[in-house]
Amino acid sequence: IRDFILESTFGLGGATIILASIQIAFLGIL
């Protein structure tokens, strides 16, 4: 959200953090 508001684009950093959160959730479920 911060990247979109300030830079009008979705940055790689935010996407990477979200992907990591999903992987951690799946690891916990496993």
mmCIF file of all heavy atoms, coordinates in Angstrom:
data_MODEL
# 
_entry.id   MODEL 
# 
loop_
_atom_site.group_PDB 
_atom_site.id 
_atom_site.type_symbol 
_atom_site.label_atom_id 
_atom_site.label_alt_id 
_atom_site.label_comp_id 
_atom_site.label_asym_id 
_atom_site.label_entity_id 
_atom_site.label_seq_id 
_atom_site.pdbx_PDB_ins_code 
_atom_site.Cartn_x 
_atom_site.Cartn_y 
_atom_site.Cartn_z 
_atom_site.occupancy 
_atom_site.B_iso_or_equiv 
_atom_site.pdbx_formal_charge 
_atom_site.auth_seq_id 
_atom_site.auth_comp_id 
_atom_site.auth_asym_id 
_atom_site.auth_atom_id 
_atom_site.pdbx_PDB_model_num 
ATOM 1   N N   . ILE A 1 1  ? 0.838  -1.206  0.000  1.00 0.00 ? 1  ILE A N   1 
ATOM 2   C CA  . ILE A 1 1  ? 0.000  0.000   0.000  1.00 0.00 ? 1  ILE A CA  1 
ATOM 3   C C   . ILE A 1 1  ? 0.873  1.257   0.000  1.00 0.00 ? 1  ILE A C   1 
ATOM 4   O O   . ILE A 1 1  ? 0.616  2.215   -0.742 1.00 0.00 ? 1  ILE A O   1 
ATOM 5   C CB  . ILE A 1 1  ? -0.943 -0.002  1.230  1.00 0.00 ? 1  ILE A CB  1 
ATOM 6   C CG1 . ILE A 1 1  ? -1.949 -1.144  1.107  1.00 0.00 ? 1  ILE A CG1 1 
ATOM 7   C CG2 . ILE A 1 1  ? -1.659 1.338   1.352  1.00 0.00 ? 1  ILE A CG2 1 
ATOM 8   C CD1 . ILE A 1 1  ? -2.789 -1.366  2.347  1.00 0.00 ? 1  ILE A CD1 1 
ATOM 9   N N   . ARG A 1 2  ? 1.923  1.220   0.826  1.00 0.00 ? 2  ARG A N   1 
ATOM 10  C CA  . ARG A 1 2  ? 2.832  2.377   0.891  1.00 0.00 ? 2  ARG A CA  1 
ATOM 11  C C   . ARG A 1 2  ? 3.494  2.619   -0.458 1.00 0.00 ? 2  ARG A C   1 
ATOM 12  O O   . ARG A 1 2  ? 3.584  3.754   -0.932 1.00 0.00 ? 2  ARG A O   1 
ATOM 13  C CB  . ARG A 1 2  ? 3.861  2.116   1.982  1.00 0.00 ? 2  ARG A CB  1 
ATOM 14  C CG  . ARG A 1 2  ? 4.902  3.219   2.152  1.00 0.00 ? 2  ARG A CG  1 
ATOM 15  C CD  . ARG A 1 2  ? 6.199  2.826   1.461  1.00 0.00 ? 2  ARG A CD  1 
ATOM 16  N NE  . ARG A 1 2  ? 7.224  3.838   1.623  1.00 0.00 ? 2  ARG A NE  1 
ATOM 17  C CZ  . ARG A 1 2  ? 8.302  3.923   0.870  1.00 0.00 ? 2  ARG A CZ  1 
ATOM 18  N NH1 . ARG A 1 2  ? 8.487  3.070   -0.139 1.00 0.00 ? 2  ARG A NH1 1 
ATOM 19  N NH2 . ARG A 1 2  ? 9.202  4.862   1.083  1.00 0.00 ? 2  ARG A NH2 1 
ATOM 20  N N   . ASP A 1 3  ? 3.967  1.532   -1.107 1.00 0.00 ? 3  ASP A N   1 
ATOM 21  C CA  . ASP A 1 3  ? 4.627  1.668   -2.408 1.00 0.00 ? 3  ASP A CA  1 
ATOM 22  C C   . ASP A 1 3  ? 3.664  2.203   -3.467 1.00 0.00 ? 3  ASP A C   1 
ATOM 23  O O   . ASP A 1 3  ? 4.033  3.013   -4.318 1.00 0.00 ? 3  ASP A O   1 
ATOM 24  C CB  . ASP A 1 3  ? 5.196  0.314   -2.869 1.00 0.00 ? 3  ASP A CB  1 
ATOM 25  C CG  . ASP A 1 3  ? 6.383  -0.119  -2.011 1.00 0.00 ? 3  ASP A CG  1 
ATOM 26  O OD1 . ASP A 1 3  ? 6.918  0.728   -1.280 1.00 0.00 ? 3  ASP A OD1 1 
ATOM 27  O OD2 . ASP A 1 3  ? 6.751  -1.310  -2.075 1.00 0.00 ? 3  ASP A OD2 1 
ATOM 28  N N   . PHE A 1 4  ? 2.404  1.726   -3.420 1.00 0.00 ? 4  PHE A N   1 
ATOM 29  C CA  . PHE A 1 4  ? 1.424  2.166   -4.422 1.00 0.00 ? 4  PHE A CA  1 
ATOM 30  C C   . PHE A 1 4  ? 1.085  3.655   -4.259 1.00 0.00 ? 4  PHE A C   1 
ATOM 31  O O   . PHE A 1 4  ? 0.948  4.392   -5.237 1.00 0.00 ? 4  PHE A O   1 
ATOM 32  C CB  . PHE A 1 4  ? 0.163  1.319   -4.305 1.00 0.00 ? 4  PHE A CB  1 
ATOM 33  C CG  . PHE A 1 4  ? -0.870 1.649   -5.333 1.00 0.00 ? 4  PHE A CG  1 
ATOM 34  C CD1 . PHE A 1 4  ? -0.723 1.229   -6.648 1.00 0.00 ? 4  PHE A CD1 1 
ATOM 35  C CD2 . PHE A 1 4  ? -1.998 2.402   -4.994 1.00 0.00 ? 4  PHE A CD2 1 
ATOM 36  C CE1 . PHE A 1 4  ? -1.671 1.549   -7.611 1.00 0.00 ? 4  PHE A CE1 1 
ATOM 37  C CE2 . PHE A 1 4  ? -2.944 2.722   -5.959 1.00 0.00 ? 4  PHE A CE2 1 
ATOM 38  C CZ  . PHE A 1 4  ? -2.789 2.300   -7.272 1.00 0.00 ? 4  PHE A CZ  1 
ATOM 39  N N   . ILE A 1 5  ? 0.955  4.092   -2.993 1.00 0.00 ? 5  ILE A N   1 
ATOM 40  C CA  . ILE A 1 5  ? 0.602  5.486   -2.734 1.00 0.00 ? 5  ILE A CA  1 
ATOM 41  C C   . ILE A 1 5  ? 1.751  6.429   -3.100 1.00 0.00 ? 5  ILE A C   1 
ATOM 42  O O   . ILE A 1 5  ? 1.544  7.471   -3.735 1.00 0.00 ? 5  ILE A O   1 
ATOM 43  C CB  . ILE A 1 5  ? 0.202  5.682   -1.259 1.00 0.00 ? 5  ILE A CB  1 
ATOM 44  C CG1 . ILE A 1 5  ? -1.114 4.937   -0.966 1.00 0.00 ? 5  ILE A CG1 1 
ATOM 45  C CG2 . ILE A 1 5  ? 0.049  7.171   -0.926 1.00 0.00 ? 5  ILE A CG2 1 
ATOM 46  C CD1 . ILE A 1 5  ? -1.517 4.943   0.490  1.00 0.00 ? 5  ILE A CD1 1 
ATOM 47  N N   . LEU A 1 6  ? 2.969  6.058   -2.698 1.00 0.00 ? 6  LEU A N   1 
ATOM 48  C CA  . LEU A 1 6  ? 4.108  6.953   -2.903 1.00 0.00 ? 6  LEU A CA  1 
ATOM 49  C C   . LEU A 1 6  ? 4.764  6.803   -4.272 1.00 0.00 ? 6  LEU A C   1 
ATOM 50  O O   . LEU A 1 6  ? 5.321  7.758   -4.802 1.00 0.00 ? 6  LEU A O   1 
ATOM 51  C CB  . LEU A 1 6  ? 5.150  6.720   -1.805 1.00 0.00 ? 6  LEU A CB  1 
ATOM 52  C CG  . LEU A 1 6  ? 4.702  7.026   -0.369 1.00 0.00 ? 6  LEU A CG  1 
ATOM 53  C CD1 . LEU A 1 6  ? 5.841  6.768   0.607  1.00 0.00 ? 6  LEU A CD1 1 
ATOM 54  C CD2 . LEU A 1 6  ? 4.189  8.456   -0.228 1.00 0.00 ? 6  LEU A CD2 1 
ATOM 55  N N   . GLU A 1 7  ? 4.714  5.575   -4.828 1.00 0.00 ? 7  GLU A N   1 
ATOM 56  C CA  . GLU A 1 7  ? 5.450  5.335   -6.068 1.00 0.00 ? 7  GLU A CA  1 
ATOM 57  C C   . GLU A 1 7  ? 4.556  4.863   -7.209 1.00 0.00 ? 7  GLU A C   1 
ATOM 58  O O   . GLU A 1 7  ? 5.045  4.566   -8.306 1.00 0.00 ? 7  GLU A O   1 
ATOM 59  C CB  . GLU A 1 7  ? 6.557  4.311   -5.812 1.00 0.00 ? 7  GLU A CB  1 
ATOM 60  C CG  . GLU A 1 7  ? 7.533  4.742   -4.714 1.00 0.00 ? 7  GLU A CG  1 
ATOM 61  C CD  . GLU A 1 7  ? 8.544  3.656   -4.392 1.00 0.00 ? 7  GLU A CD  1 
ATOM 62  O OE1 . GLU A 1 7  ? 8.625  2.678   -5.160 1.00 0.00 ? 7  GLU A OE1 1 
ATOM 63  O OE2 . GLU A 1 7  ? 9.240  3.784   -3.368 1.00 0.00 ? 7  GLU A OE2 1 
ATOM 64  N N   . SER A 1 8  ? 3.273  4.762   -6.940 1.00 0.00 ? 8  SER A N   1 
ATOM 65  C CA  . SER A 1 8  ? 2.285  4.319   -7.945 1.00 0.00 ? 8  SER A CA  1 
ATOM 66  C C   . SER A 1 8  ? 2.630  2.964   -8.555 1.00 0.00 ? 8  SER A C   1 
ATOM 67  O O   . SER A 1 8  ? 2.386  2.707   -9.730 1.00 0.00 ? 8  SER A O   1 
ATOM 68  C CB  . SER A 1 8  ? 2.170  5.375   -9.068 1.00 0.00 ? 8  SER A CB  1 
ATOM 69  O OG  . SER A 1 8  ? 1.743  6.606   -8.545 1.00 0.00 ? 8  SER A OG  1 
ATOM 70  N N   . THR A 1 9  ? 3.205  2.103   -7.753 1.00 0.00 ? 9  THR A N   1 
ATOM 71  C CA  . THR A 1 9  ? 3.547  0.760   -8.228 1.00 0.00 ? 9  THR A CA  1 
ATOM 72  C C   . THR A 1 9  ? 3.607  -0.186  -7.033 1.00 0.00 ? 9  THR A C   1 
ATOM 73  O O   . THR A 1 9  ? 3.770  0.242   -5.880 1.00 0.00 ? 9  THR A O   1 
ATOM 74  C CB  . THR A 1 9  ? 4.898  0.749   -8.945 1.00 0.00 ? 9  THR A CB  1 
ATOM 75  O OG1 . THR A 1 9  ? 5.147  -0.573  -9.450 1.00 0.00 ? 9  THR A OG1 1 
ATOM 76  C CG2 . THR A 1 9  ? 6.031  1.132   -8.010 1.00 0.00 ? 9  THR A CG2 1 
ATOM 77  N N   . PHE A 1 10 ? 3.455  -1.469  -7.287 1.00 0.00 ? 10 PHE A N   1 
ATOM 78  C CA  . PHE A 1 10 ? 3.583  -2.470  -6.237 1.00 0.00 ? 10 PHE A CA  1 
ATOM 79  C C   . PHE A 1 10 ? 5.023  -2.978  -6.230 1.00 0.00 ? 10 PHE A C   1 
ATOM 80  O O   . PHE A 1 10 ? 5.475  -3.606  -7.198 1.00 0.00 ? 10 PHE A O   1 
ATOM 81  C CB  . PHE A 1 10 ? 2.617  -3.638  -6.467 1.00 0.00 ? 10 PHE A CB  1 
ATOM 82  C CG  . PHE A 1 10 ? 1.178  -3.257  -6.258 1.00 0.00 ? 10 PHE A CG  1 
ATOM 83  C CD1 . PHE A 1 10 ? 0.298  -3.220  -7.331 1.00 0.00 ? 10 PHE A CD1 1 
ATOM 84  C CD2 . PHE A 1 10 ? 0.707  -2.935  -4.999 1.00 0.00 ? 10 PHE A CD2 1 
ATOM 85  C CE1 . PHE A 1 10 ? -1.035 -2.873  -7.149 1.00 0.00 ? 10 PHE A CE1 1 
ATOM 86  C CE2 . PHE A 1 10 ? -0.621 -2.583  -4.806 1.00 0.00 ? 10 PHE A CE2 1 
ATOM 87  C CZ  . PHE A 1 10 ? -1.493 -2.544  -5.884 1.00 0.00 ? 10 PHE A CZ  1 
ATOM 88  N N   . GLY A 1 11 ? 5.739  -2.717  -5.112 1.00 0.00 ? 11 GLY A N   1 
ATOM 89  C CA  . GLY A 1 11 ? 7.138  -3.090  -5.040 1.00 0.00 ? 11 GLY A CA  1 
ATOM 90  C C   . GLY A 1 11 ? 7.354  -4.575  -4.802 1.00 0.00 ? 11 GLY A C   1 
ATOM 91  O O   . GLY A 1 11 ? 6.469  -5.304  -4.328 1.00 0.00 ? 11 GLY A O   1 
ATOM 92  N N   . LEU A 1 12 ? 8.539  -5.023  -5.150 1.00 0.00 ? 12 LEU A N   1 
ATOM 93  C CA  . LEU A 1 12 ? 8.907  -6.436  -4.970 1.00 0.00 ? 12 LEU A CA  1 
ATOM 94  C C   . LEU A 1 12 ? 9.017  -6.809  -3.494 1.00 0.00 ? 12 LEU A C   1 
ATOM 95  O O   . LEU A 1 12 ? 8.716  -7.939  -3.105 1.00 0.00 ? 12 LEU A O   1 
ATOM 96  C CB  . LEU A 1 12 ? 10.234 -6.706  -5.688 1.00 0.00 ? 12 LEU A CB  1 
ATOM 97  C CG  . LEU A 1 12 ? 10.764 -8.142  -5.632 1.00 0.00 ? 12 LEU A CG  1 
ATOM 98  C CD1 . LEU A 1 12 ? 9.775  -9.112  -6.277 1.00 0.00 ? 12 LEU A CD1 1 
ATOM 99  C CD2 . LEU A 1 12 ? 12.127 -8.227  -6.307 1.00 0.00 ? 12 LEU A CD2 1 
ATOM 100 N N   . GLY A 1 13 ? 9.439  -5.846  -2.667 1.00 0.00 ? 13 GLY A N   1 
ATOM 101 C CA  . GLY A 1 13 ? 9.636  -6.129  -1.239 1.00 0.00 ? 13 GLY A CA  1 
ATOM 102 C C   . GLY A 1 13 ? 8.363  -6.584  -0.556 1.00 0.00 ? 13 GLY A C   1 
ATOM 103 O O   . GLY A 1 13 ? 8.354  -7.587  0.177  1.00 0.00 ? 13 GLY A O   1 
ATOM 104 N N   . GLY A 1 14 ? 7.267  -5.866  -0.772 1.00 0.00 ? 14 GLY A N   1 
ATOM 105 C CA  . GLY A 1 14 ? 5.996  -6.244  -0.153 1.00 0.00 ? 14 GLY A CA  1 
ATOM 106 C C   . GLY A 1 14 ? 5.516  -7.597  -0.616 1.00 0.00 ? 14 GLY A C   1 
ATOM 107 O O   . GLY A 1 14 ? 5.033  -8.412  0.181  1.00 0.00 ? 14 GLY A O   1 
ATOM 108 N N   . ALA A 1 15 ? 5.644  -7.861  -1.893 1.00 0.00 ? 15 ALA A N   1 
ATOM 109 C CA  . ALA A 1 15 ? 5.212  -9.153  -2.445 1.00 0.00 ? 15 ALA A CA  1 
ATOM 110 C C   . ALA A 1 15 ? 6.039  -10.298 -1.854 1.00 0.00 ? 15 ALA A C   1 
ATOM 111 O O   . ALA A 1 15 ? 5.524  -11.381 -1.560 1.00 0.00 ? 15 ALA A O   1 
ATOM 112 C CB  . ALA A 1 15 ? 5.330  -9.134  -3.964 1.00 0.00 ? 15 ALA A CB  1 
ATOM 113 N N   . THR A 1 16 ? 7.335  -10.055 -1.691 1.00 0.00 ? 16 THR A N   1 
ATOM 114 C CA  . THR A 1 16 ? 8.217  -11.076 -1.127 1.00 0.00 ? 16 THR A CA  1 
ATOM 115 C C   . THR A 1 16 ? 7.831  -11.398 0.316  1.00 0.00 ? 16 THR A C   1 
ATOM 116 O O   . THR A 1 16 ? 7.817  -12.570 0.729  1.00 0.00 ? 16 THR A O   1 
ATOM 117 C CB  . THR A 1 16 ? 9.684  -10.603 -1.173 1.00 0.00 ? 16 THR A CB  1 
ATOM 118 O OG1 . THR A 1 16 ? 10.041 -10.313 -2.523 1.00 0.00 ? 16 THR A OG1 1 
ATOM 119 C CG2 . THR A 1 16 ? 10.606 -11.669 -0.610 1.00 0.00 ? 16 THR A CG2 1 
ATOM 120 N N   . ILE A 1 17 ? 7.514  -10.364 1.105  1.00 0.00 ? 17 ILE A N   1 
ATOM 121 C CA  . ILE A 1 17 ? 7.119  -10.569 2.505  1.00 0.00 ? 17 ILE A CA  1 
ATOM 122 C C   . ILE A 1 17 ? 5.815  -11.358 2.581  1.00 0.00 ? 17 ILE A C   1 
ATOM 123 O O   . ILE A 1 17 ? 5.664  -12.273 3.399  1.00 0.00 ? 17 ILE A O   1 
ATOM 124 C CB  . ILE A 1 17 ? 6.982  -9.210  3.224  1.00 0.00 ? 17 ILE A CB  1 
ATOM 125 C CG1 . ILE A 1 17 ? 8.347  -8.524  3.308  1.00 0.00 ? 17 ILE A CG1 1 
ATOM 126 C CG2 . ILE A 1 17 ? 6.420  -9.406  4.627  1.00 0.00 ? 17 ILE A CG2 1 
ATOM 127 C CD1 . ILE A 1 17 ? 8.292  -7.109  3.863  1.00 0.00 ? 17 ILE A CD1 1 
ATOM 128 N N   . ILE A 1 18 ? 4.853  -11.028 1.719  1.00 0.00 ? 18 ILE A N   1 
ATOM 129 C CA  . ILE A 1 18 ? 3.576  -11.764 1.701  1.00 0.00 ? 18 ILE A CA  1 
ATOM 130 C C   . ILE A 1 18 ? 3.792  -13.219 1.310  1.00 0.00 ? 18 ILE A C   1 
ATOM 131 O O   . ILE A 1 18 ? 3.210  -14.132 1.899  1.00 0.00 ? 18 ILE A O   1 
ATOM 132 C CB  . ILE A 1 18 ? 2.582  -11.077 0.744  1.00 0.00 ? 18 ILE A CB  1 
ATOM 133 C CG1 . ILE A 1 18 ? 2.116  -9.742  1.336  1.00 0.00 ? 18 ILE A CG1 1 
ATOM 134 C CG2 . ILE A 1 18 ? 1.381  -11.985 0.468  1.00 0.00 ? 18 ILE A CG2 1 
ATOM 135 C CD1 . ILE A 1 18 ? 1.177  -8.960  0.451  1.00 0.00 ? 18 ILE A CD1 1 
ATOM 136 N N   . LEU A 1 19 ? 4.634  -13.454 0.324  1.00 0.00 ? 19 LEU A N   1 
ATOM 137 C CA  . LEU A 1 19 ? 4.942  -14.820 -0.090 1.00 0.00 ? 19 LEU A CA  1 
ATOM 138 C C   . LEU A 1 19 ? 5.581  -15.604 1.061  1.00 0.00 ? 19 LEU A C   1 
ATOM 139 O O   . LEU A 1 19 ? 5.250  -16.775 1.285  1.00 0.00 ? 19 LEU A O   1 
ATOM 140 C CB  . LEU A 1 19 ? 5.882  -14.807 -1.297 1.00 0.00 ? 19 LEU A CB  1 
ATOM 141 C CG  . LEU A 1 19 ? 6.300  -16.179 -1.851 1.00 0.00 ? 19 LEU A CG  1 
ATOM 142 C CD1 . LEU A 1 19 ? 5.076  -16.969 -2.300 1.00 0.00 ? 19 LEU A CD1 1 
ATOM 143 C CD2 . LEU A 1 19 ? 7.287  -16.017 -3.003 1.00 0.00 ? 19 LEU A CD2 1 
ATOM 144 N N   . ALA A 1 20 ? 6.476  -14.944 1.803  1.00 0.00 ? 20 ALA A N   1 
ATOM 145 C CA  . ALA A 1 20 ? 7.120  -15.598 2.952  1.00 0.00 ? 20 ALA A CA  1 
ATOM 146 C C   . ALA A 1 20 ? 6.086  -15.943 4.022  1.00 0.00 ? 20 ALA A C   1 
ATOM 147 O O   . ALA A 1 20 ? 6.147  -17.019 4.639  1.00 0.00 ? 20 ALA A O   1 
ATOM 148 C CB  . ALA A 1 20 ? 8.198  -14.682 3.525  1.00 0.00 ? 20 ALA A CB  1 
ATOM 149 N N   . SER A 1 21 ? 5.116  -15.047 4.237  1.00 0.00 ? 21 SER A N   1 
ATOM 150 C CA  . SER A 1 21 ? 4.075  -15.302 5.237  1.00 0.00 ? 21 SER A CA  1 
ATOM 151 C C   . SER A 1 21 ? 3.237  -16.523 4.856  1.00 0.00 ? 21 SER A C   1 
ATOM 152 O O   . SER A 1 21 ? 2.874  -17.330 5.715  1.00 0.00 ? 21 SER A O   1 
ATOM 153 C CB  . SER A 1 21 ? 3.181  -14.071 5.396  1.00 0.00 ? 21 SER A CB  1 
ATOM 154 O OG  . SER A 1 21 ? 2.313  -13.916 4.286  1.00 0.00 ? 21 SER A OG  1 
ATOM 155 N N   . ILE A 1 22 ? 2.937  -16.656 3.563  1.00 0.00 ? 22 ILE A N   1 
ATOM 156 C CA  . ILE A 1 22 ? 2.155  -17.808 3.094  1.00 0.00 ? 22 ILE A CA  1 
ATOM 157 C C   . ILE A 1 22 ? 2.949  -19.104 3.266  1.00 0.00 ? 22 ILE A C   1 
ATOM 158 O O   . ILE A 1 22 ? 2.413  -20.130 3.695  1.00 0.00 ? 22 ILE A O   1 
ATOM 159 C CB  . ILE A 1 22 ? 1.754  -17.611 1.621  1.00 0.00 ? 22 ILE A CB  1 
ATOM 160 C CG1 . ILE A 1 22 ? 0.801  -16.410 1.494  1.00 0.00 ? 22 ILE A CG1 1 
ATOM 161 C CG2 . ILE A 1 22 ? 1.094  -18.866 1.059  1.00 0.00 ? 22 ILE A CG2 1 
ATOM 162 C CD1 . ILE A 1 22 ? 0.489  -16.022 0.056  1.00 0.00 ? 22 ILE A CD1 1 
ATOM 163 N N   . GLN A 1 23 ? 4.232  -19.053 2.976  1.00 0.00 ? 23 GLN A N   1 
ATOM 164 C CA  . GLN A 1 23 ? 5.082  -20.238 3.133  1.00 0.00 ? 23 GLN A CA  1 
ATOM 165 C C   . GLN A 1 23 ? 5.176  -20.661 4.599  1.00 0.00 ? 23 GLN A C   1 
ATOM 166 O O   . GLN A 1 23 ? 5.137  -21.863 4.915  1.00 0.00 ? 23 GLN A O   1 
ATOM 167 C CB  . GLN A 1 23 ? 6.476  -19.943 2.575  1.00 0.00 ? 23 GLN A CB  1 
ATOM 168 C CG  . GLN A 1 23 ? 6.522  -19.812 1.059  1.00 0.00 ? 23 GLN A CG  1 
ATOM 169 C CD  . GLN A 1 23 ? 7.895  -19.437 0.547  1.00 0.00 ? 23 GLN A CD  1 
ATOM 170 O OE1 . GLN A 1 23 ? 8.648  -18.721 1.207  1.00 0.00 ? 23 GLN A OE1 1 
ATOM 171 N NE2 . GLN A 1 23 ? 8.223  -19.915 -0.651 1.00 0.00 ? 23 GLN A NE2 1 
ATOM 172 N N   . ILE A 1 24 ? 5.299  -19.689 5.494  1.00 0.00 ? 24 ILE A N   1 
ATOM 173 C CA  . ILE A 1 24 ? 5.367  -19.993 6.923  1.00 0.00 ? 24 ILE A CA  1 
ATOM 174 C C   . ILE A 1 24 ? 4.059  -20.610 7.403  1.00 0.00 ? 24 ILE A C   1 
ATOM 175 O O   . ILE A 1 24 ? 4.053  -21.558 8.200  1.00 0.00 ? 24 ILE A O   1 
ATOM 176 C CB  . ILE A 1 24 ? 5.704  -18.715 7.726  1.00 0.00 ? 24 ILE A CB  1 
ATOM 177 C CG1 . ILE A 1 24 ? 7.146  -18.294 7.458  1.00 0.00 ? 24 ILE A CG1 1 
ATOM 178 C CG2 . ILE A 1 24 ? 5.487  -18.939 9.222  1.00 0.00 ? 24 ILE A CG2 1 
ATOM 179 C CD1 . ILE A 1 24 ? 7.528  -16.958 8.065  1.00 0.00 ? 24 ILE A CD1 1 
ATOM 180 N N   . ALA A 1 25 ? 2.919  -20.100 6.913  1.00 0.00 ? 25 ALA A N   1 
ATOM 181 C CA  . ALA A 1 25 ? 1.618  -20.655 7.286  1.00 0.00 ? 25 ALA A CA  1 
ATOM 182 C C   . ALA A 1 25 ? 1.502  -22.110 6.830  1.00 0.00 ? 25 ALA A C   1 
ATOM 183 O O   . ALA A 1 25 ? 1.055  -22.979 7.591  1.00 0.00 ? 25 ALA A O   1 
ATOM 184 C CB  . ALA A 1 25 ? 0.504  -19.813 6.671  1.00 0.00 ? 25 ALA A CB  1 
ATOM 185 N N   . PHE A 1 26 ? 1.897  -22.387 5.592  1.00 0.00 ? 26 PHE A N   1 
ATOM 186 C CA  . PHE A 1 26 ? 1.845  -23.756 5.077  1.00 0.00 ? 26 PHE A CA  1 
ATOM 187 C C   . PHE A 1 26 ? 2.801  -24.677 5.847  1.00 0.00 ? 26 PHE A C   1 
ATOM 188 O O   . PHE A 1 26 ? 2.499  -25.850 6.075  1.00 0.00 ? 26 PHE A O   1 
ATOM 189 C CB  . PHE A 1 26 ? 2.169  -23.786 3.586  1.00 0.00 ? 26 PHE A CB  1 
ATOM 190 C CG  . PHE A 1 26 ? 0.989  -23.499 2.712  1.00 0.00 ? 26 PHE A CG  1 
ATOM 191 C CD1 . PHE A 1 26 ? 0.948  -22.371 1.897  1.00 0.00 ? 26 PHE A CD1 1 
ATOM 192 C CD2 . PHE A 1 26 ? -0.111 -24.351 2.703  1.00 0.00 ? 26 PHE A CD2 1 
ATOM 193 C CE1 . PHE A 1 26 ? -0.153 -22.095 1.100  1.00 0.00 ? 26 PHE A CE1 1 
ATOM 194 C CE2 . PHE A 1 26 ? -1.214 -24.096 1.900  1.00 0.00 ? 26 PHE A CE2 1 
ATOM 195 C CZ  . PHE A 1 26 ? -1.235 -22.958 1.108  1.00 0.00 ? 26 PHE A CZ  1 
ATOM 196 N N   . LEU A 1 27 ? 3.948  -24.135 6.261  1.00 0.00 ? 27 LEU A N   1 
ATOM 197 C CA  . LEU A 1 27 ? 4.896  -24.918 7.052  1.00 0.00 ? 27 LEU A CA  1 
ATOM 198 C C   . LEU A 1 27 ? 4.277  -25.307 8.392  1.00 0.00 ? 27 LEU A C   1 
ATOM 199 O O   . LEU A 1 27 ? 4.418  -26.448 8.856  1.00 0.00 ? 27 LEU A O   1 
ATOM 200 C CB  . LEU A 1 27 ? 6.176  -24.117 7.266  1.00 0.00 ? 27 LEU A CB  1 
ATOM 201 C CG  . LEU A 1 27 ? 7.304  -24.815 8.040  1.00 0.00 ? 27 LEU A CG  1 
ATOM 202 C CD1 . LEU A 1 27 ? 7.771  -26.058 7.284  1.00 0.00 ? 27 LEU A CD1 1 
ATOM 203 C CD2 . LEU A 1 27 ? 8.478  -23.858 8.247  1.00 0.00 ? 27 LEU A CD2 1 
ATOM 204 N N   . GLY A 1 28 ? 3.578  -24.344 9.024  1.00 0.00 ? 28 GLY A N   1 
ATOM 205 C CA  . GLY A 1 28 ? 2.902  -24.636 10.283 1.00 0.00 ? 28 GLY A CA  1 
ATOM 206 C C   . GLY A 1 28 ? 1.807  -25.672 10.118 1.00 0.00 ? 28 GLY A C   1 
ATOM 207 O O   . GLY A 1 28 ? 1.657  -26.577 10.944 1.00 0.00 ? 28 GLY A O   1 
ATOM 208 N N   . ILE A 1 29 ? 1.021  -25.561 9.044  1.00 0.00 ? 29 ILE A N   1 
ATOM 209 C CA  . ILE A 1 29 ? -0.046 -26.527 8.779  1.00 0.00 ? 29 ILE A CA  1 
ATOM 210 C C   . ILE A 1 29 ? 0.531  -27.920 8.547  1.00 0.00 ? 29 ILE A C   1 
ATOM 211 O O   . ILE A 1 29 ? 0.016  -28.922 9.055  1.00 0.00 ? 29 ILE A O   1 
ATOM 212 C CB  . ILE A 1 29 ? -0.874 -26.081 7.555  1.00 0.00 ? 29 ILE A CB  1 
ATOM 213 C CG1 . ILE A 1 29 ? -1.643 -24.798 7.877  1.00 0.00 ? 29 ILE A CG1 1 
ATOM 214 C CG2 . ILE A 1 29 ? -1.832 -27.181 7.111  1.00 0.00 ? 29 ILE A CG2 1 
ATOM 215 C CD1 . ILE A 1 29 ? -2.307 -24.165 6.685  1.00 0.00 ? 29 ILE A CD1 1 
ATOM 216 N N   . LEU A 1 30 ? 1.618  -27.992 7.785  1.00 0.00 ? 30 LEU A N   1 
ATOM 217 C CA  . LEU A 1 30 ? 2.272  -29.280 7.522  1.00 0.00 ? 30 LEU A CA  1 
ATOM 218 C C   . LEU A 1 30 ? 2.783  -29.910 8.810  1.00 0.00 ? 30 LEU A C   1 
ATOM 219 O O   . LEU A 1 30 ? 2.603  -31.108 9.046  1.00 0.00 ? 30 LEU A O   1 
ATOM 220 C CB  . LEU A 1 30 ? 3.427  -29.078 6.535  1.00 0.00 ? 30 LEU A CB  1 
ATOM 221 C CG  . LEU A 1 30 ? 4.240  -30.327 6.176  1.00 0.00 ? 30 LEU A CG  1 
ATOM 222 C CD1 . LEU A 1 30 ? 3.343  -31.369 5.509  1.00 0.00 ? 30 LEU A CD1 1 
ATOM 223 C CD2 . LEU A 1 30 ? 5.408  -29.967 5.269  1.00 0.00 ? 30 LEU A CD2 1 
# 
